[in-house]
Amino acid sequence: MSNHLVADEHEETGRKWFAGDAKKSARGFIRAIEAYDTGLAKYQANFDLAYNKAVLQLYIAQRSRLLPHLPVSHLDYLQSTVEACKYAQRLEPEDKDALFNTGQALSICAEALEENDDPTEAIKHLINAIEYYTKCLQLQAEELASMPAADVDVEDGDEKEEDRDGDIEMETNQDHEQGDNVAEGRTLRSGSPRFATVIYPTTEDDKLDTAVAELEAIMQLLSLFTEHTMRLIPYQDVIRIGDEISQGMPISHSTTDDRQPYEIALVVANYKAEKGRVFHLTGILDIENYSINLEAAFEVESGLDLGPFSRNSKEMGVGSNARGDPSCLHAYSVALTKLANTARVHEPSPSKNDIRWHALTRAHDILALATTLENSASPPPAERLAALYEERASIELRRSNVVPQKMWMDGQTRLTLVKNAAVYYRGARRWAEQVRNALRLQNAQLTQNTEWLYEHVDLPIMESVAEFLAGQKEKIGVLRLQPMVTTRGDAMVVKMREVVQEMVDEGMVEGPVVQDLVRILS
């Protein structure tokens, strides 16, 4: 039996157990990768083996349920996935799917590097990803330009087959489930017992997929632009590429195939938001024009369904009765919060507090609508609601630090905001509990002391901080006596200090109260 058939059998086992037993599923996928490695040790130049191994690794990399059961760390696995994709691409340097997948692997790895507090390596990966996407997009455009108009969209059954030389019988699972971003909309390399490989011509949808992926990588790269990293990022060249891509994209809210509603418009709006932030940091835009451009990017130019927050909705194709789309609303609130934080760090003058207040208040109102829409769903999405309530709480704390003088009212406005934050954190914690309970039903090994709880224990800590700011200073001390703290010992106290420090760094806690918190946690 060929190595490819062995890999196929193990891969089928992995898919069979994916929904029920993540550990068994991961074991099957790992054995499939080992079978590919065995084949590549004998036939190092076989592109099909290298390509399918890379696609499988990329598929696994996007399945969070599998990651805890891999034999190496998450970051090490992602780095090996990048190398697998690059290896396949080197065998056929102009294979468009291999180029696309390498860009995907680099982008995913960059995100993990950023979470691991390694922005320098994340920047390198993203610059490399943009290079792969650019080459892929160029080849796709050339192929489409050379096609007769009637051949651009290929009907089923009109596949073009090319024979490949090789000593290995090639056969892949025709029902191969692709990853969320693995050459999405493309067909995996597959072969028949006649040593043939099916090649599908490029379509306009393929080109659009690549353009969206590249613009997302550019947006991700620009999000890492700070006064400390600006020398590492060729932002002028990157923005030039981003502008060319975004200007050529259709941003209509109507969708085709399995594309998500507003997917393209969201990517373009988010890109413009990050571009505006970079322009502000480099002195091209002052904070006022950064704010004006941001609002225009989302409310006027995008055609996103922001409900009552949309302007010129009829002209952009959004119905006058639009209720608002939660994903659009959430993206806009994130951009507004980032604007307020940029103003806090780079425009600390009290004269700029009105800009921060305006941005945060609009973000708060937008998230309130998003929360209402999500709560009306059946069933309500617990994980998304937990995130929404947490963000609403963080915005209320930020607003409490920039209350306009005309609204001071003996401190009542600020007190109301921090009390609201505590309530929202409580709501986030309750929705997170529902997520945890659902996970417990899926996996009997999940208990009260699992890493999942440890990773999400920041919610009760932040809730206690909000209550502390509202005058209930005993709450932090009480939290230290809870079982989840005492069972973790010193590690949990360290976690509490880390969460408080993050709240300070992100502008949620300011002023003399910071020293009071530090003293209590010492």
Protein backbone atom coordinates (compact mmCIF):
# COMPACT_ATOMS: atom_id res chain seq x y z
CA MET A 1 0.00 0.00 0.00
CA SER A 2 1.37 3.45 -0.92
CA ASN A 3 2.21 6.01 1.74
CA HIS A 4 -0.52 8.20 0.36
CA LEU A 5 -3.20 5.53 0.85
CA VAL A 6 -1.93 4.88 4.39
CA ALA A 7 -2.12 8.60 5.11
CA ASP A 8 -5.65 8.67 3.69
CA GLU A 9 -6.80 5.91 6.04
CA HIS A 10 -5.36 7.66 9.11
CA GLU A 11 -6.81 10.97 7.99
CA GLU A 12 -10.23 9.36 7.64
CA THR A 13 -9.87 8.09 11.21
CA GLY A 14 -9.05 11.59 12.37
CA ARG A 15 -12.17 13.00 10.73
CA LYS A 16 -14.33 10.17 12.06
CA TRP A 17 -13.44 10.95 15.69
CA PHE A 18 -13.21 14.74 15.41
CA ALA A 19 -16.68 15.51 16.77
CA GLY A 20 -16.61 12.92 19.56
CA ASP A 21 -13.05 12.33 20.77
CA ALA A 22 -10.50 15.03 20.03
CA LYS A 23 -7.64 12.92 21.38
CA LYS A 24 -8.35 9.97 19.05
CA SER A 25 -8.90 12.39 16.20
CA ALA A 26 -5.53 14.06 16.76
CA ARG A 27 -3.85 10.63 16.93
CA GLY A 28 -5.27 9.72 13.52
CA PHE A 29 -4.13 12.99 11.95
CA ILE A 30 -0.65 12.69 13.47
CA ARG A 31 -0.27 9.19 12.00
CA ALA A 32 -1.36 10.55 8.62
CA ILE A 33 1.37 13.21 8.81
CA GLU A 34 3.90 10.53 9.76
CA ALA A 35 2.86 8.51 6.70
CA TYR A 36 3.41 11.56 4.49
CA ASP A 37 6.83 12.08 6.11
CA THR A 38 7.75 8.45 5.36
CA GLY A 39 6.79 8.92 1.74
CA LEU A 40 8.68 12.20 1.45
CA ALA A 41 11.78 10.57 2.91
CA LYS A 42 11.78 8.27 -0.14
CA TYR A 43 10.41 10.67 -2.73
CA GLN A 44 11.57 14.11 -1.68
CA ALA A 45 10.54 15.80 -4.93
CA ASN A 46 6.96 14.47 -5.00
CA PHE A 47 4.79 17.55 -4.94
CA ASP A 48 1.49 15.77 -4.25
CA LEU A 49 2.80 14.20 -1.06
CA ALA A 50 4.28 17.49 0.10
CA TYR A 51 1.19 19.49 -0.83
CA ASN A 52 -1.34 17.19 0.87
CA LYS A 53 0.79 16.96 3.99
CA ALA A 54 0.94 20.77 4.17
CA VAL A 55 -2.83 21.07 3.67
CA LEU A 56 -3.49 18.54 6.43
CA GLN A 57 -1.19 20.36 8.83
CA LEU A 58 -2.90 23.64 8.03
CA TYR A 59 -6.30 22.02 8.57
CA ILE A 60 -5.22 20.84 12.04
CA ALA A 61 -3.74 24.24 12.88
CA GLN A 62 -7.22 25.78 12.54
CA ARG A 63 -8.96 23.24 14.78
CA SER A 64 -8.55 24.42 18.37
CA ARG A 65 -9.99 21.15 19.75
CA LEU A 66 -7.02 19.24 18.36
CA LEU A 67 -4.21 21.52 19.49
CA PRO A 68 -3.99 20.33 23.15
CA HIS A 69 -3.45 16.76 21.91
CA LEU A 70 -0.50 17.42 19.60
CA PRO A 71 2.92 16.11 20.63
CA VAL A 72 4.52 19.58 20.45
CA SER A 73 3.60 23.06 21.60
CA HIS A 74 1.08 25.11 19.61
CA LEU A 75 3.75 27.52 18.38
CA ASP A 76 6.18 24.75 17.41
CA TYR A 77 3.41 23.02 15.48
CA LEU A 78 2.55 26.20 13.60
CA GLN A 79 6.20 26.76 12.71
CA SER A 80 6.40 23.21 11.34
CA THR A 81 3.22 23.90 9.33
CA VAL A 82 4.87 26.97 7.79
CA GLU A 83 7.91 24.87 6.84
CA ALA A 84 5.68 22.15 5.34
CA CYS A 85 3.86 24.71 3.20
CA LYS A 86 7.10 26.32 2.09
CA TYR A 87 8.57 22.93 1.20
CA ALA A 88 5.61 22.12 -1.06
CA GLN A 89 5.75 25.56 -2.65
CA ARG A 90 9.47 25.23 -3.42
CA LEU A 91 8.75 22.06 -5.38
CA GLU A 92 6.37 23.97 -7.66
CA PRO A 93 7.17 27.68 -7.19
CA GLU A 94 4.25 28.89 -9.30
CA ASP A 95 1.53 26.65 -7.92
CA LYS A 96 -1.11 29.13 -6.84
CA ASP A 97 -2.74 26.96 -4.16
CA ALA A 98 0.64 26.25 -2.58
CA LEU A 99 1.39 29.98 -2.52
CA PHE A 100 -1.98 30.75 -0.97
CA ASN A 101 -1.62 28.08 1.72
CA THR A 102 1.88 29.28 2.63
CA GLY A 103 0.50 32.77 3.13
CA GLN A 104 -2.24 31.33 5.35
CA ALA A 105 0.23 29.35 7.47
CA LEU A 106 2.44 32.40 7.95
CA SER A 107 -0.54 34.57 8.94
CA ILE A 108 -1.82 32.03 11.48
CA CYS A 109 1.66 31.61 12.95
CA ALA A 110 2.04 35.40 13.17
CA GLU A 111 -1.13 35.62 15.23
CA ALA A 112 0.24 33.04 17.68
CA LEU A 113 3.57 34.87 17.86
CA GLU A 114 1.74 38.10 18.65
CA GLU A 115 -0.19 36.37 21.44
CA ASN A 116 3.17 35.06 22.68
CA ASP A 117 4.46 38.66 22.95
CA ASP A 118 6.87 38.34 20.05
CA PRO A 119 5.81 41.16 17.68
CA THR A 120 9.17 41.22 15.87
CA GLU A 121 8.79 37.66 14.60
CA ALA A 122 5.10 38.20 13.94
CA ILE A 123 5.97 41.17 11.72
CA LYS A 124 8.51 39.09 9.78
CA HIS A 125 5.95 36.35 9.21
CA LEU A 126 3.30 38.79 8.01
CA ILE A 127 5.66 40.56 5.59
CA ASN A 128 6.54 37.12 4.21
CA ALA A 129 2.84 36.18 3.97
CA ILE A 130 2.08 39.33 2.00
CA GLU A 131 4.85 38.41 -0.45
CA TYR A 132 3.31 34.98 -1.04
CA TYR A 133 -0.19 36.42 -1.47
CA THR A 134 1.09 39.07 -3.87
CA LYS A 135 2.74 36.47 -6.07
CA CYS A 136 -0.36 34.26 -5.94
CA LEU A 137 -2.60 37.18 -6.87
CA GLN A 138 -0.31 38.13 -9.75
CA LEU A 139 -0.35 34.59 -11.18
CA GLN A 140 -4.13 34.37 -10.81
CA ALA A 141 -4.61 37.69 -12.60
CA GLU A 142 -2.31 36.57 -15.44
CA GLU A 143 -4.17 33.28 -15.84
CA LEU A 144 -7.58 34.95 -15.85
CA ALA A 145 -6.38 37.54 -18.36
CA SER A 146 -5.19 34.79 -20.71
CA MET A 147 -8.46 32.83 -20.56
CA PRO A 148 -11.24 33.18 -23.10
CA ALA A 149 -14.23 34.73 -21.36
CA ALA A 150 -16.26 31.50 -21.65
CA ASP A 151 -13.61 29.48 -19.83
CA VAL A 152 -13.28 31.62 -16.71
CA ASP A 153 -16.01 29.71 -14.85
CA VAL A 154 -15.48 25.99 -15.28
CA GLU A 155 -18.51 23.72 -15.01
CA ASP A 156 -18.42 20.48 -13.08
CA GLY A 157 -17.01 17.67 -15.18
CA ASP A 158 -14.79 19.93 -17.29
CA GLU A 159 -11.69 19.43 -15.18
CA LYS A 160 -8.36 19.45 -16.89
CA GLU A 161 -6.08 16.54 -16.07
CA GLU A 162 -2.32 16.66 -16.31
CA ASP A 163 -0.17 13.52 -16.03
CA ARG A 164 2.68 13.65 -13.53
CA ASP A 165 5.71 11.45 -13.55
CA GLY A 166 6.07 9.47 -10.34
CA ASP A 167 6.41 6.04 -8.83
CA ILE A 168 3.68 6.45 -6.23
CA GLU A 169 0.02 5.60 -6.74
CA MET A 170 -1.84 8.77 -5.83
CA GLU A 171 -5.32 8.76 -4.36
CA THR A 172 -6.95 11.23 -1.98
CA ASN A 173 -10.20 11.38 -0.14
CA GLN A 174 -12.62 13.15 -2.46
CA ASP A 175 -14.62 14.38 0.55
CA HIS A 176 -11.62 16.10 2.13
CA GLU A 177 -12.97 18.63 4.60
CA GLN A 178 -11.00 21.83 4.20
CA GLY A 179 -9.95 24.15 6.99
CA ASP A 180 -11.62 27.47 7.58
CA ASN A 181 -8.97 29.26 5.55
CA VAL A 182 -7.12 26.50 3.71
CA ALA A 183 -7.31 27.41 0.06
CA GLU A 184 -10.96 28.16 0.73
CA GLY A 185 -13.03 27.74 -2.40
CA ARG A 186 -10.29 25.72 -4.05
CA THR A 187 -9.91 22.01 -4.74
CA LEU A 188 -7.20 20.05 -3.02
CA ARG A 189 -4.62 18.31 -5.14
CA SER A 190 -5.95 14.83 -5.72
CA GLY A 191 -4.91 11.96 -7.91
CA SER A 192 -6.23 8.77 -9.44
CA PRO A 193 -4.62 5.33 -9.71
CA ARG A 194 -3.46 6.47 -13.18
CA PHE A 195 -0.95 8.87 -11.58
CA ALA A 196 -3.06 11.85 -12.64
CA THR A 197 -3.56 15.11 -10.78
CA VAL A 198 -6.71 17.16 -11.20
CA ILE A 199 -6.01 20.83 -11.91
CA TYR A 200 -8.82 23.37 -11.81
CA PRO A 201 -8.45 26.67 -13.63
CA THR A 202 -8.42 29.85 -11.57
CA THR A 203 -11.78 31.58 -11.12
CA GLU A 204 -12.67 35.13 -10.14
CA ASP A 205 -13.72 33.78 -6.73
CA ASP A 206 -10.22 32.32 -6.24
CA LYS A 207 -8.71 35.70 -6.98
CA LEU A 208 -11.12 37.41 -4.58
CA ASP A 209 -10.26 34.89 -1.84
CA THR A 210 -6.58 35.71 -2.23
CA ALA A 211 -7.23 39.45 -2.24
CA VAL A 212 -9.28 39.20 0.96
CA ALA A 213 -6.62 37.06 2.65
CA GLU A 214 -3.84 39.48 1.65
CA LEU A 215 -5.78 42.52 2.85
CA GLU A 216 -6.38 40.74 6.18
CA ALA A 217 -2.64 40.08 6.49
CA ILE A 218 -1.91 43.74 5.71
CA MET A 219 -4.46 44.81 8.32
CA GLN A 220 -2.88 42.43 10.83
CA LEU A 221 0.57 43.85 10.06
CA LEU A 222 -0.58 47.46 10.41
CA SER A 223 -2.18 46.60 13.76
CA LEU A 224 1.35 45.84 15.03
CA PHE A 225 2.57 49.30 13.99
CA THR A 226 3.74 51.27 17.05
CA GLU A 227 6.46 53.79 17.77
CA HIS A 228 8.63 50.81 18.76
CA THR A 229 8.03 48.69 15.64
CA MET A 230 7.59 51.33 12.92
CA ARG A 231 11.15 50.82 11.65
CA LEU A 232 10.42 47.14 11.04
CA ILE A 233 7.34 47.71 8.89
CA PRO A 234 7.58 49.15 5.35
CA TYR A 235 4.19 50.75 5.92
CA GLN A 236 4.20 52.96 2.83
CA ASP A 237 4.69 49.98 0.50
CA VAL A 238 2.22 47.89 2.47
CA ILE A 239 -0.46 50.60 2.37
CA ARG A 240 0.10 51.07 -1.37
CA ILE A 241 -0.64 47.36 -1.88
CA GLY A 242 -3.60 47.54 0.49
CA ASP A 243 -5.09 50.51 -1.34
CA GLU A 244 -4.78 48.77 -4.70
CA ILE A 245 -6.54 45.68 -3.35
CA SER A 246 -9.28 47.49 -1.43
CA GLN A 247 -10.15 49.82 -4.31
CA GLY A 248 -10.67 46.83 -6.61
CA MET A 249 -12.95 44.95 -4.23
CA PRO A 250 -16.73 44.78 -4.50
CA ILE A 251 -18.10 45.77 -1.09
CA SER A 252 -21.76 45.11 -1.75
CA HIS A 253 -23.48 43.41 1.18
CA SER A 254 -24.95 40.75 -1.11
CA THR A 255 -23.15 37.41 -0.99
CA THR A 256 -22.34 34.55 -3.32
CA ASP A 257 -21.48 30.93 -2.61
CA ASP A 258 -20.63 30.44 1.07
CA ARG A 259 -19.16 33.89 1.65
CA GLN A 260 -20.32 35.45 4.90
CA PRO A 261 -22.56 38.54 4.78
CA TYR A 262 -20.52 41.73 4.70
CA GLU A 263 -17.26 39.74 4.76
CA ILE A 264 -15.51 41.81 2.10
CA ALA A 265 -16.89 45.15 3.29
CA LEU A 266 -15.74 44.37 6.83
CA VAL A 267 -12.20 43.60 5.69
CA VAL A 268 -12.02 46.86 3.72
CA ALA A 269 -13.44 48.94 6.59
CA ASN A 270 -11.05 47.36 9.11
CA TYR A 271 -8.13 48.00 6.76
CA LYS A 272 -9.08 51.68 6.46
CA ALA A 273 -9.32 51.91 10.25
CA GLU A 274 -5.80 50.55 10.72
CA LYS A 275 -4.47 52.75 7.92
CA GLY A 276 -5.93 55.80 9.66
CA ARG A 277 -4.26 54.82 12.93
CA VAL A 278 -0.88 54.43 11.20
CA PHE A 279 -1.32 57.77 9.45
CA HIS A 280 -1.98 59.37 12.84
CA LEU A 281 1.09 57.78 14.43
CA THR A 282 3.28 58.99 11.56
CA GLY A 283 1.89 62.53 11.72
CA ILE A 284 -0.07 62.44 8.47
CA LEU A 285 -3.42 62.78 10.26
CA ASP A 286 -4.19 64.59 13.49
CA ILE A 287 -6.48 62.85 15.97
CA GLU A 288 -9.54 64.82 14.81
CA ASN A 289 -9.15 63.76 11.18
CA TYR A 290 -8.32 60.21 12.23
CA SER A 291 -11.71 60.18 14.00
CA ILE A 292 -13.54 61.69 11.01
CA ASN A 293 -11.98 59.21 8.57
CA LEU A 294 -12.80 56.27 10.84
CA GLU A 295 -16.46 57.19 11.10
CA ALA A 296 -16.65 57.70 7.33
CA ALA A 297 -14.98 54.33 6.65
CA PHE A 298 -17.65 52.47 8.61
CA GLU A 299 -20.75 54.65 8.48
CA VAL A 300 -20.60 56.13 4.98
CA GLU A 301 -18.31 54.21 2.63
CA SER A 302 -18.65 50.58 3.68
CA GLY A 303 -22.30 49.64 3.13
CA LEU A 304 -22.16 47.68 6.39
CA ASP A 305 -25.40 47.04 8.22
CA LEU A 306 -24.88 49.19 11.30
CA GLY A 307 -28.60 49.72 11.80
CA PRO A 308 -29.27 53.25 13.11
CA PHE A 309 -25.53 53.98 13.03
CA SER A 310 -25.36 53.72 9.21
CA ARG A 311 -25.35 56.87 7.12
CA ASN A 312 -26.37 57.00 3.45
CA SER A 313 -27.68 53.45 3.90
CA LYS A 314 -29.99 53.52 0.89
CA GLU A 315 -27.26 54.66 -1.47
CA MET A 316 -24.96 51.87 -0.25
CA GLY A 317 -27.59 49.17 -0.72
CA VAL A 318 -28.47 48.63 2.93
CA GLY A 319 -32.21 48.67 3.46
CA SER A 320 -33.78 51.51 5.41
CA ASN A 321 -35.24 48.92 7.80
CA ALA A 322 -31.83 47.37 8.55
CA ARG A 323 -31.66 46.20 12.17
CA GLY A 324 -27.90 45.97 12.36
CA ASP A 325 -25.53 43.05 11.89
CA PRO A 326 -23.72 42.00 15.11
CA SER A 327 -20.41 41.28 13.37
CA CYS A 328 -20.45 44.70 11.66
CA LEU A 329 -21.37 46.47 14.89
CA HIS A 330 -18.68 44.66 16.84
CA ALA A 331 -15.96 45.50 14.31
CA TYR A 332 -16.88 49.18 14.42
CA SER A 333 -16.85 49.27 18.22
CA VAL A 334 -13.38 47.68 18.26
CA ALA A 335 -12.10 50.34 15.84
CA LEU A 336 -13.60 53.14 17.95
CA THR A 337 -12.08 51.72 21.14
CA LYS A 338 -8.69 51.53 19.44
CA LEU A 339 -9.06 55.19 18.40
CA ALA A 340 -9.77 56.17 22.02
CA ASN A 341 -6.78 54.17 23.26
CA THR A 342 -4.51 55.73 20.62
CA ALA A 343 -5.63 59.18 21.76
CA ARG A 344 -4.94 58.21 25.38
CA VAL A 345 -1.38 57.10 24.65
CA HIS A 346 -0.34 59.60 22.01
CA GLU A 347 -2.60 62.59 22.80
CA PRO A 348 -2.64 62.56 26.64
CA SER A 349 -3.69 66.21 26.86
CA PRO A 350 -7.01 66.68 28.73
CA SER A 351 -8.12 68.76 25.75
CA LYS A 352 -8.39 65.52 23.75
CA ASN A 353 -10.60 63.79 26.31
CA ASP A 354 -13.72 64.85 24.41
CA ILE A 355 -12.55 62.77 21.41
CA ARG A 356 -12.00 59.77 23.68
CA TRP A 357 -15.40 60.25 25.31
CA HIS A 358 -17.18 60.56 21.97
CA ALA A 359 -15.50 57.45 20.52
CA LEU A 360 -16.09 55.33 23.64
CA THR A 361 -19.70 56.45 24.03
CA ARG A 362 -20.43 55.59 20.41
CA ALA A 363 -18.70 52.21 20.88
CA HIS A 364 -20.82 51.61 24.00
CA ASP A 365 -24.07 52.39 22.18
CA ILE A 366 -23.07 50.20 19.23
CA LEU A 367 -22.26 47.24 21.49
CA ALA A 368 -25.57 47.71 23.32
CA LEU A 369 -27.38 47.17 20.03
CA ALA A 370 -25.15 44.18 19.15
CA THR A 371 -25.93 42.62 22.55
CA THR A 372 -29.67 43.08 22.03
CA LEU A 373 -29.48 41.41 18.62
CA GLU A 374 -27.45 38.46 19.93
CA ASN A 375 -29.78 38.01 22.90
CA SER A 376 -32.73 37.76 20.50
CA ALA A 377 -31.13 34.83 18.65
CA SER A 378 -32.42 31.31 19.31
CA PRO A 379 -30.47 29.98 21.06
CA PRO A 380 -28.38 32.97 22.16
CA PRO A 381 -24.67 32.47 21.32
CA ALA A 382 -23.15 32.20 24.79
CA GLU A 383 -19.52 32.61 23.76
CA ARG A 384 -20.18 35.76 21.72
CA LEU A 385 -22.37 37.25 24.45
CA ALA A 386 -19.66 36.64 27.05
CA ALA A 387 -17.22 38.56 24.85
CA LEU A 388 -19.72 41.39 24.21
CA TYR A 389 -20.46 41.90 27.90
CA GLU A 390 -16.76 41.88 28.73
CA GLU A 391 -16.09 44.54 26.08
CA ARG A 392 -18.98 46.67 27.29
CA ALA A 393 -17.55 46.52 30.81
CA SER A 394 -14.08 47.56 29.64
CA ILE A 395 -15.55 50.48 27.69
CA GLU A 396 -17.49 51.69 30.75
CA LEU A 397 -14.28 51.70 32.80
CA ARG A 398 -12.50 53.64 30.08
CA ARG A 399 -15.36 56.14 29.89
CA SER A 400 -15.19 56.63 33.66
CA ASN A 401 -11.70 58.10 33.22
CA VAL A 402 -12.70 60.75 30.66
CA VAL A 403 -16.08 62.00 31.90
CA PRO A 404 -16.57 65.52 30.50
CA GLN A 405 -16.46 68.25 33.12
CA LYS A 406 -20.06 69.28 32.41
CA MET A 407 -21.18 65.76 33.42
CA TRP A 408 -19.21 65.40 36.66
CA MET A 409 -22.29 65.93 38.88
CA ASP A 410 -20.39 65.34 42.12
CA GLY A 411 -18.84 62.17 40.73
CA GLN A 412 -22.15 60.39 40.18
CA THR A 413 -21.58 59.84 36.45
CA ARG A 414 -18.24 58.16 37.05
CA LEU A 415 -19.69 56.02 39.86
CA THR A 416 -22.56 54.93 37.63
CA LEU A 417 -20.13 53.90 34.89
CA VAL A 418 -17.96 51.74 37.14
CA LYS A 419 -21.07 50.13 38.64
CA ASN A 420 -22.27 49.38 35.11
CA ALA A 421 -18.89 47.79 34.39
CA ALA A 422 -19.26 45.47 37.38
CA VAL A 423 -22.72 44.42 36.17
CA TYR A 424 -21.42 43.73 32.64
CA TYR A 425 -18.49 41.70 33.97
CA ARG A 426 -21.00 39.68 35.98
CA GLY A 427 -23.00 39.08 32.83
CA ALA A 428 -19.86 38.04 30.93
CA ARG A 429 -18.97 35.62 33.72
CA ARG A 430 -22.43 34.01 33.63
CA TRP A 431 -22.34 33.51 29.87
CA ALA A 432 -18.80 32.13 30.17
CA GLU A 433 -20.14 29.67 32.77
CA GLN A 434 -22.62 28.41 30.18
CA VAL A 435 -19.76 27.87 27.73
CA ARG A 436 -17.83 25.97 30.37
CA ASN A 437 -20.82 23.79 31.24
CA ALA A 438 -21.31 22.93 27.58
CA LEU A 439 -17.65 21.93 27.34
CA ARG A 440 -18.04 19.76 30.42
CA LEU A 441 -20.86 17.87 28.73
CA GLN A 442 -18.64 17.29 25.68
CA ASN A 443 -15.65 16.12 27.69
CA ALA A 444 -16.00 14.26 30.98
CA GLN A 445 -12.41 15.15 31.90
CA LEU A 446 -13.27 18.85 32.17
CA THR A 447 -13.61 19.71 35.87
CA GLN A 448 -13.70 22.76 38.08
CA ASN A 449 -9.90 22.95 38.20
CA THR A 450 -9.14 22.69 34.48
CA GLU A 451 -6.94 25.02 32.49
CA TRP A 452 -10.06 26.34 30.79
CA LEU A 453 -11.24 27.84 34.08
CA TYR A 454 -7.76 29.15 34.84
CA GLU A 455 -7.54 30.87 31.47
CA HIS A 456 -10.95 32.53 31.97
CA VAL A 457 -10.60 33.48 35.62
CA ASP A 458 -9.79 37.04 34.57
CA LEU A 459 -13.54 37.81 34.46
CA PRO A 460 -14.19 37.56 38.23
CA ILE A 461 -10.93 39.43 38.84
CA MET A 462 -12.02 42.30 36.60
CA GLU A 463 -15.48 42.25 38.16
CA SER A 464 -13.88 42.62 41.60
CA VAL A 465 -11.71 45.49 40.37
CA ALA A 466 -14.81 47.31 39.07
CA GLU A 467 -16.55 46.78 42.42
CA PHE A 468 -13.42 48.05 44.17
CA LEU A 469 -13.54 51.22 42.04
CA ALA A 470 -17.22 51.60 42.93
CA GLY A 471 -16.30 51.75 46.62
CA GLN A 472 -16.56 48.08 47.61
CA LYS A 473 -12.89 47.86 48.50
CA GLU A 474 -13.28 44.56 50.34
CA LYS A 475 -14.09 42.70 47.11
CA ILE A 476 -10.47 42.16 46.09
CA GLY A 477 -9.64 40.72 49.50
CA VAL A 478 -12.64 38.40 49.37
CA LEU A 479 -11.61 37.18 45.92
CA ARG A 480 -8.23 36.07 47.26
CA LEU A 481 -10.05 33.66 49.62
CA GLN A 482 -12.08 31.94 46.88
CA PRO A 483 -11.35 28.22 46.19
CA MET A 484 -10.13 28.93 42.65
CA VAL A 485 -7.48 31.21 44.19
CA THR A 486 -6.47 29.14 47.19
CA THR A 487 -6.16 25.95 45.14
CA ARG A 488 -3.81 27.72 42.74
CA GLY A 489 -1.78 29.40 45.46
CA ASP A 490 0.84 31.92 44.47
CA ALA A 491 0.24 31.32 40.75
CA MET A 492 -3.28 32.65 41.09
CA VAL A 493 -2.17 35.76 42.96
CA VAL A 494 0.31 36.38 40.16
CA LYS A 495 -2.57 36.00 37.71
CA MET A 496 -4.55 38.61 39.63
CA ARG A 497 -1.65 41.06 39.46
CA GLU A 498 -1.24 40.43 35.73
CA VAL A 499 -4.91 41.12 35.05
CA VAL A 500 -4.85 44.34 37.06
CA GLN A 501 -1.70 45.47 35.25
CA GLU A 502 -3.35 44.79 31.89
CA MET A 503 -6.33 46.88 32.97
CA VAL A 504 -3.96 49.72 33.86
CA ASP A 505 -2.02 49.40 30.60
CA GLU A 506 -5.24 49.47 28.55
CA GLY A 507 -6.60 52.59 30.22
CA MET A 508 -9.39 50.92 32.20
CA VAL A 509 -7.88 51.88 35.57
CA GLU A 510 -6.17 55.23 36.03
CA GLY A 511 -5.16 57.60 38.82
CA PRO A 512 -4.25 57.12 42.51
CA VAL A 513 -6.46 54.04 42.82
CA VAL A 514 -3.80 52.06 40.93
CA GLN A 515 -1.48 52.26 43.93
CA ASP A 516 -4.26 51.08 46.25
CA LEU A 517 -4.81 47.99 44.09
CA VAL A 518 -1.10 47.23 43.90
CA ARG A 519 -0.79 47.48 47.67
CA ILE A 520 -3.71 45.10 48.26
CA LEU A 521 -2.36 42.52 45.82
CA SER A 522 1.09 42.68 47.37
